[in-house]
Protein backbone atom coordinates (compact mmCIF):
# COMPACT_ATOMS: atom_id res chain seq x y z
CA MET A 1 -64.04 104.32 67.64
CA SER A 2 -63.78 101.73 64.87
CA PRO A 3 -66.85 99.82 63.67
CA VAL A 4 -67.53 96.48 65.33
CA THR A 5 -67.19 93.38 63.15
CA PHE A 6 -68.02 89.77 63.90
CA ARG A 7 -66.42 86.62 62.50
CA ALA A 8 -68.90 84.27 60.91
CA GLY A 9 -68.96 81.24 58.69
CA CYS A 10 -71.34 79.77 56.16
CA PRO A 11 -72.33 76.12 56.64
CA ASP A 12 -73.29 75.87 52.95
CA CYS A 13 -70.21 77.13 51.08
CA ARG A 14 -67.90 76.97 54.13
CA GLY A 15 -66.83 80.56 53.59
CA SER A 16 -65.31 82.44 56.54
CA PHE A 17 -65.63 86.21 56.77
CA GLU A 18 -66.20 89.25 58.95
CA LEU A 19 -69.56 91.00 59.07
CA ALA A 20 -70.47 94.46 60.32
CA ALA A 21 -73.13 94.71 63.02
CA GLY A 22 -75.62 95.96 60.41
CA ALA A 23 -75.32 92.71 58.44
CA LEU A 24 -76.57 90.60 61.36
CA ARG A 25 -79.96 90.25 63.03
CA LEU A 26 -80.52 88.80 66.48
CA VAL A 27 -83.83 87.23 67.46
CA ILE A 28 -84.45 86.55 71.14
CA GLY A 29 -87.25 84.13 71.87
CA ALA A 30 -88.66 82.58 75.02
CA THR A 31 -86.36 79.55 74.79
CA SER A 32 -82.92 78.66 73.49
CA ARG A 33 -84.59 77.04 70.47
CA THR A 34 -86.15 80.35 69.46
CA THR A 35 -83.06 82.50 70.08
CA PHE A 36 -80.78 82.83 67.07
CA TYR A 37 -78.84 85.19 64.85
CA ALA A 38 -79.13 85.42 61.11
CA PHE A 39 -77.22 86.86 58.17
CA THR A 40 -76.82 86.47 54.43
CA CYS A 41 -73.57 84.84 53.33
CA PRO A 42 -71.60 87.39 51.31
CA ASP A 43 -69.93 84.57 49.34
CA CYS A 44 -72.88 82.45 48.18
CA GLY A 45 -75.94 84.54 49.14
CA ILE A 46 -77.69 81.90 51.24
CA SER A 47 -79.63 82.95 54.35
CA VAL A 48 -77.89 81.56 57.43
CA ARG A 49 -79.52 81.07 60.83
CA LYS A 50 -77.49 79.95 63.85
CA PRO A 51 -78.41 79.40 67.50
CA ALA A 52 -77.36 82.11 69.95
CA GLY A 53 -76.52 81.20 73.51
CA GLU A 54 -76.21 83.74 76.32
CA ARG A 55 -72.62 84.72 75.48
CA ILE A 56 -73.42 85.27 71.78
CA VAL A 57 -76.46 87.37 72.73
CA GLU A 58 -74.23 89.51 74.99
CA LEU A 59 -71.60 90.00 72.29
CA LEU A 60 -74.07 90.83 69.53
CA THR A 61 -76.20 93.23 71.58
CA GLY A 62 -73.06 94.90 72.95
CA GLY A 63 -71.76 95.28 69.41
CA GLY A 64 -74.87 97.07 68.18
CA VAL A 65 -76.62 94.26 66.30
CA LYS A 66 -80.32 94.99 65.79
CA THR A 67 -82.43 92.78 68.01
CA LEU A 68 -85.98 91.49 67.70
CA ARG A 69 -87.58 90.17 70.89
CA LEU A 70 -90.33 87.62 70.39
CA HIS A 71 -93.15 87.65 72.92
CA SER A 72 -95.16 84.54 73.62
CA THR A 73 -98.89 84.81 74.12
CA VAL A 74 -99.97 82.16 76.55
């Protein structure tokens, strides 16, 4: 089985590249505003954070991306 890669882009330098699952982090919060994925751009080194809808969450978790689940304390 070949390693899973994901296509991503940097909003800062506009680079387009493929990242291995280990280069991404998924954070799942209580709302869509607190659910996102993050990575460091391999071209310019900036930290990138993008929103993750249901489909993105499915793809990233299915591809082995490490996930952090945020719990709200109400």
